[in-house]
Protein backbone atom coordinates (compact mmCIF):
# COMPACT_ATOMS: atom_id res chain seq x y z
CA MET A 1 60.20 85.21 156.71
CA ILE A 2 58.88 87.98 158.95
CA ARG A 3 62.46 88.95 159.86
CA TRP A 4 63.39 89.14 156.15
CA ALA A 5 60.33 91.30 155.41
CA CYS A 6 61.25 93.73 158.18
CA TRP A 7 64.82 93.93 156.88
CA ALA A 8 63.52 94.63 153.35
CA CYS A 9 61.22 97.39 154.59
CA CYS A 10 64.06 99.05 156.45
CA CYS A 11 66.20 98.98 153.31
CA LEU A 12 63.43 100.61 151.29
CA LEU A 13 63.00 103.35 153.88
CA LEU A 14 66.71 104.07 153.81
CA CYS A 15 66.81 104.16 150.03
CA PHE A 16 63.93 106.60 149.69
CA ALA A 17 64.55 108.73 152.78
CA PRO A 18 65.55 112.35 152.08
CA SER A 19 69.15 113.35 152.68
CA VAL A 20 69.86 114.63 156.18
CA ALA A 21 69.81 118.42 156.40
CA ALA A 22 73.00 120.18 157.39
CA ALA A 23 72.64 121.08 161.08
CA ARG A 24 75.82 123.16 161.42
CA LEU A 25 76.56 125.72 158.73
CA VAL A 26 79.51 128.01 158.17
CA VAL A 27 78.35 130.71 155.75
CA LEU A 28 80.94 132.82 153.93
CA ALA A 29 78.62 135.37 152.29
CA PRO A 30 76.36 138.00 153.91
CA ASN A 31 73.55 137.48 151.41
CA LEU A 32 73.43 133.74 152.12
CA VAL A 33 73.23 134.47 155.85
CA GLU A 34 70.29 136.77 155.26
CA LEU A 35 68.48 134.25 153.05
CA LEU A 36 68.98 131.49 155.62
CA TYR A 37 67.34 133.63 158.28
CA SER A 38 64.52 134.31 155.81
CA ILE A 39 63.74 130.59 155.55
CA ASP A 40 64.02 130.08 159.33
CA ALA A 41 67.41 128.37 159.12
CA GLY A 42 69.41 131.07 160.89
CA SER A 43 69.79 128.94 164.02
CA GLN A 44 71.83 126.45 161.97
CA ILE A 45 74.58 128.99 161.26
CA VAL A 46 77.59 128.59 163.56
CA GLY A 47 79.93 131.10 161.92
CA THR A 48 80.13 133.69 159.16
CA VAL A 49 82.19 136.58 157.75
CA GLU A 50 82.42 140.33 158.19
CA PHE A 51 79.53 142.45 156.87
CA ALA A 52 76.97 139.72 157.63
CA ASP A 53 74.85 142.28 159.47
CA TYR A 54 71.23 141.45 158.70
CA PRO A 55 69.03 140.55 160.44
CA GLU A 56 70.10 141.81 163.86
CA ALA A 57 70.73 138.27 165.11
CA ALA A 58 73.40 137.80 162.44
CA LYS A 59 75.61 140.38 164.15
CA GLN A 60 76.11 137.98 167.05
CA LEU A 61 77.56 135.17 164.92
CA PRO A 62 81.29 134.36 165.23
CA ARG A 63 83.39 136.03 162.50
CA LEU A 64 85.67 133.77 160.49
CA GLY A 65 87.21 136.16 157.97
CA ASN A 66 86.24 138.32 154.99
CA PHE A 67 86.69 138.57 151.23
CA GLN A 68 90.45 138.68 151.73
CA GLY A 69 90.53 135.26 153.34
CA ILE A 70 89.11 132.95 156.00
CA GLN A 71 90.47 131.71 159.32
CA LEU A 72 90.70 128.02 158.58
CA GLU A 73 91.53 126.97 162.14
CA LYS A 74 88.36 128.56 163.49
CA ILE A 75 86.24 126.84 160.85
CA ILE A 76 87.74 123.45 161.69
CA ALA A 77 87.05 124.03 165.39
CA LEU A 78 83.36 124.69 164.65
CA LYS A 79 83.00 121.26 162.99
CA PRO A 80 80.51 122.36 160.32
CA ASP A 81 78.43 119.88 158.35
CA LEU A 82 78.59 122.22 155.37
CA VAL A 83 80.25 125.47 154.27
CA LEU A 84 78.27 127.77 151.99
CA TYR A 85 80.16 130.40 150.00
CA TRP A 86 79.92 132.99 147.22
CA ARG A 87 82.08 131.77 144.33
CA SER A 88 83.45 135.08 143.03
CA GLY A 89 83.68 136.52 146.55
CA SER A 90 85.81 133.72 148.02
CA LYS A 91 89.47 132.91 147.44
CA PRO A 92 89.74 129.65 145.45
CA GLN A 93 92.64 128.47 147.61
CA ASP A 94 90.47 128.77 150.72
CA ILE A 95 87.81 126.53 149.23
CA GLU A 96 90.48 124.09 148.05
CA SER A 97 91.82 123.94 151.62
CA LEU A 98 88.37 123.05 152.92
CA THR A 99 88.06 120.29 150.34
CA ARG A 100 91.43 118.81 151.24
CA LEU A 101 90.34 118.68 154.87
CA GLY A 102 87.19 116.79 153.92
CA ILE A 103 84.85 119.69 154.74
CA LYS A 104 81.91 119.74 152.35
CA SER A 105 81.11 123.06 150.66
CA VAL A 106 78.56 124.44 148.21
CA GLY A 107 79.18 127.57 146.13
CA PHE A 108 76.61 130.06 144.81
CA GLU A 109 76.89 132.71 142.09
CA PRO A 110 73.66 134.68 141.47
CA GLN A 111 73.85 136.68 138.25
CA GLN A 112 70.45 138.38 138.22
CA PRO A 113 67.52 138.98 140.60
CA ALA A 114 65.60 136.00 139.19
CA ASP A 115 68.36 133.75 140.55
CA ILE A 116 67.15 134.53 144.08
CA VAL A 117 64.29 132.09 143.43
CA GLY A 118 66.73 129.25 142.83
CA LEU A 119 68.87 130.31 145.79
CA LEU A 120 65.91 130.01 148.13
CA LYS A 121 64.96 126.57 146.86
CA HIS A 122 68.52 125.23 147.04
CA LEU A 123 69.06 126.57 150.56
CA GLY A 124 65.74 125.07 151.61
CA GLU A 125 66.85 121.64 150.41
CA LEU A 126 70.20 121.89 152.19
CA THR A 127 68.69 122.92 155.51
CA GLY A 128 65.45 120.97 155.62
CA GLN A 129 63.38 124.15 155.26
CA GLN A 130 61.87 123.31 151.88
CA GLN A 131 58.33 124.43 152.68
CA LYS A 132 59.26 127.94 153.84
CA ALA A 133 61.77 128.29 151.00
CA GLN A 134 59.22 127.23 148.39
CA THR A 135 56.68 129.72 149.72
CA LEU A 136 59.18 132.61 149.60
CA ALA A 137 60.41 131.53 146.16
CA LYS A 138 56.88 131.70 144.78
CA GLN A 139 56.31 135.13 146.33
CA THR A 140 59.59 136.35 144.87
CA GLU A 141 58.63 135.15 141.39
CA GLN A 142 55.34 137.03 141.67
CA ARG A 143 57.01 140.25 142.81
CA LEU A 144 59.57 140.08 140.01
CA GLY A 145 56.79 139.45 137.51
CA ALA A 146 54.96 142.56 138.71
CA LEU A 147 57.98 144.68 137.74
CA LYS A 148 57.26 144.09 134.04
CA VAL A 149 54.96 147.10 134.09
CA TYR A 150 58.02 149.35 134.37
CA GLN A 151 59.50 147.93 131.16
CA GLN A 152 56.58 149.12 129.04
CA GLY A 153 57.57 152.79 129.09
CA ARG A 154 60.39 154.71 127.48
CA THR A 155 63.90 153.47 128.24
CA VAL A 156 65.75 155.88 130.53
CA SER A 157 69.52 156.33 130.40
CA VAL A 158 71.15 156.52 133.84
CA PHE A 159 74.61 156.81 135.34
CA TYR A 160 74.87 154.46 138.30
CA GLU A 161 77.70 155.56 140.58
CA ILE A 162 79.40 152.65 142.29
CA TRP A 163 82.31 154.71 143.59
CA HIS A 164 83.26 158.39 143.47
CA ASP A 165 87.07 158.32 143.35
CA PRO A 166 87.93 157.00 140.88
CA LEU A 167 84.51 157.48 139.31
CA THR A 168 83.17 153.95 138.81
CA THR A 169 79.93 152.69 137.34
CA VAL A 170 78.32 149.38 136.30
CA GLY A 171 78.94 147.25 133.25
CA SER A 172 76.07 145.68 131.36
CA ASN A 173 76.49 142.32 133.12
CA ASP A 174 76.96 143.64 136.66
CA TRP A 175 74.37 142.99 139.36
CA PRO A 176 72.95 146.57 139.57
CA ALA A 177 72.63 146.69 135.77
CA GLN A 178 70.23 143.74 135.96
CA ALA A 179 68.03 145.73 138.35
CA LEU A 180 68.09 148.67 135.93
CA LYS A 181 66.84 146.41 133.13
CA LEU A 182 63.88 145.35 135.26
CA CYS A 183 63.01 149.02 135.65
CA GLY A 184 63.24 149.81 131.95
CA ALA A 185 66.50 151.72 132.29
CA VAL A 186 69.95 151.31 130.78
CA ALA A 187 73.36 152.20 132.18
CA SER A 188 75.17 155.01 130.39
CA PRO A 189 77.86 154.90 129.14
CA ALA A 190 77.16 151.40 127.84
CA LEU A 191 80.17 149.31 128.86
CA THR A 192 80.68 145.56 129.11
CA THR A 193 83.64 145.39 131.50
CA ALA A 194 82.87 144.68 135.14
CA TYR A 195 82.47 147.83 137.24
CA PRO A 196 84.40 150.08 134.83
CA GLN A 197 86.05 153.37 135.72
CA VAL A 198 84.77 156.34 133.71
CA SER A 199 86.40 159.71 133.09
CA ILE A 200 84.30 162.72 133.96
CA GLU A 201 85.03 164.06 130.46
CA ARG A 202 83.30 161.05 128.92
CA LEU A 203 80.30 161.50 131.18
CA VAL A 204 80.06 165.19 130.31
CA ALA A 205 80.29 164.42 126.59
CA THR A 206 77.23 162.13 126.70
CA PRO A 207 75.29 163.00 129.86
CA PRO A 208 72.57 160.57 131.05
CA GLU A 209 69.03 161.54 131.99
CA LEU A 210 69.43 160.55 135.63
CA LEU A 211 72.22 160.17 138.17
CA ILE A 212 71.73 157.26 140.57
CA LEU A 213 73.64 157.46 143.86
CA PRO A 214 73.61 154.34 146.05
CA SER A 215 73.81 155.08 149.77
CA SER A 216 74.59 152.62 152.56
CA VAL A 217 73.85 152.92 156.27
CA ASN A 218 76.39 150.23 157.09
CA GLU A 219 79.12 151.54 154.77
CA PRO A 220 78.65 155.32 154.43
CA ARG A 221 80.69 157.09 151.76
CA ALA A 222 80.93 160.32 149.79
CA HIS A 223 79.57 160.91 146.29
CA PHE A 224 81.12 162.68 143.34
CA ASP A 225 80.47 166.44 143.20
CA TYR A 226 78.53 166.76 139.94
CA GLN A 227 77.65 170.39 140.64
CA GLN A 228 81.03 171.61 139.44
CA TRP A 229 80.24 170.43 135.90
CA PRO A 230 77.54 172.53 134.10
CA ALA A 231 76.47 169.63 131.85
CA LEU A 232 75.74 167.51 134.92
CA SER A 233 74.78 170.02 137.61
CA LYS A 234 71.10 170.20 136.67
CA LEU A 235 70.55 166.49 136.11
CA PRO A 236 68.05 164.88 138.48
CA GLN A 237 69.57 162.63 141.13
CA LEU A 238 68.07 159.54 142.71
CA THR A 239 69.46 158.16 145.97
CA VAL A 240 68.89 154.43 146.37
CA ASN A 241 69.54 152.00 149.23
CA ALA A 242 72.68 150.01 148.47
CA ASP A 243 72.06 147.76 151.49
CA LEU A 244 68.95 146.53 149.68
CA LEU A 245 70.09 146.58 146.07
CA HIS A 246 73.61 145.21 146.22
CA ARG A 247 72.92 141.85 147.88
CA ALA A 248 71.02 138.92 146.42
CA THR A 249 68.37 138.64 149.15
CA LEU A 250 64.63 139.08 149.56
CA ARG A 251 65.25 142.73 150.43
CA THR A 252 66.73 143.16 146.96
CA ILE A 253 63.21 143.10 145.58
CA ASP A 254 62.29 145.97 147.92
CA GLY A 255 65.27 147.92 146.61
CA ILE A 256 64.40 147.25 142.97
CA GLU A 257 60.80 148.34 143.53
CA GLN A 258 62.05 151.62 145.01
CA LEU A 259 64.51 152.04 142.13
CA CYS A 260 61.77 151.46 139.54
CA GLN A 261 59.46 153.93 141.25
CA GLY A 262 62.17 156.61 141.18
CA ILE A 263 62.86 156.03 137.48
CA GLU A 264 59.13 156.05 136.74
CA ARG A 265 58.77 159.45 138.41
CA LEU A 266 61.41 160.79 136.00
CA ARG A 267 59.43 159.44 133.04
CA HIS A 268 56.32 161.29 134.18
CA GLN A 269 58.23 164.52 134.79
CA ALA A 270 59.75 164.37 131.32
CA ARG A 271 56.36 164.17 129.58
């Protein structure tokens, strides 16, 4: 009887025990690497991709490929418990290859800054860092909620330059456009296609109130020369940190706060 009771207790413990956290992670997206370090799970990462450069410790991780493809042999050799990837930033055939080999994978596709909250919670569950993840998720919700103050003023039209040649901006559903909405701004011209190219003639015909120029320390680049066009030469310009704004991480909130503050300054100057 005692032996049966012990066996029954063991069965109950197994049934209700939480799933084992993934101890060895291959992470195929820089933003996921950064979030894992944020929840104290960085030590579980055994390999990643190019451009996973934050925090400093991430630069020491083995590189297994980039957005053009992954080195499958290296991933197999690392024997990961789980591969984490960005759905639209990974080649479907690469993920299919992992599945055929029996390597478990989980994909993520954040669409707006509020999705960072869910990212944190999900990563916390996968790595056994639920408590830290929950704490950061709550803080992130509070910081995003505080941005509502910037949506109470006049809507500002902005041109957000993604690339200078060809001149490329953001569509209404693109990641930077979601940050603009939080700041009470709207991308001009209003386009729905993803990261559309825009002719300078169209921009001159309907100039925005503000030119936003993302700048990256890790990936420096030139900007379009707006000074050669009279309709654009006197428009105010705002330089923002692309390393903060263009990745779905906790630092994104820092970047959005800075973006909102810059747009708010324009509102006050225009009064």
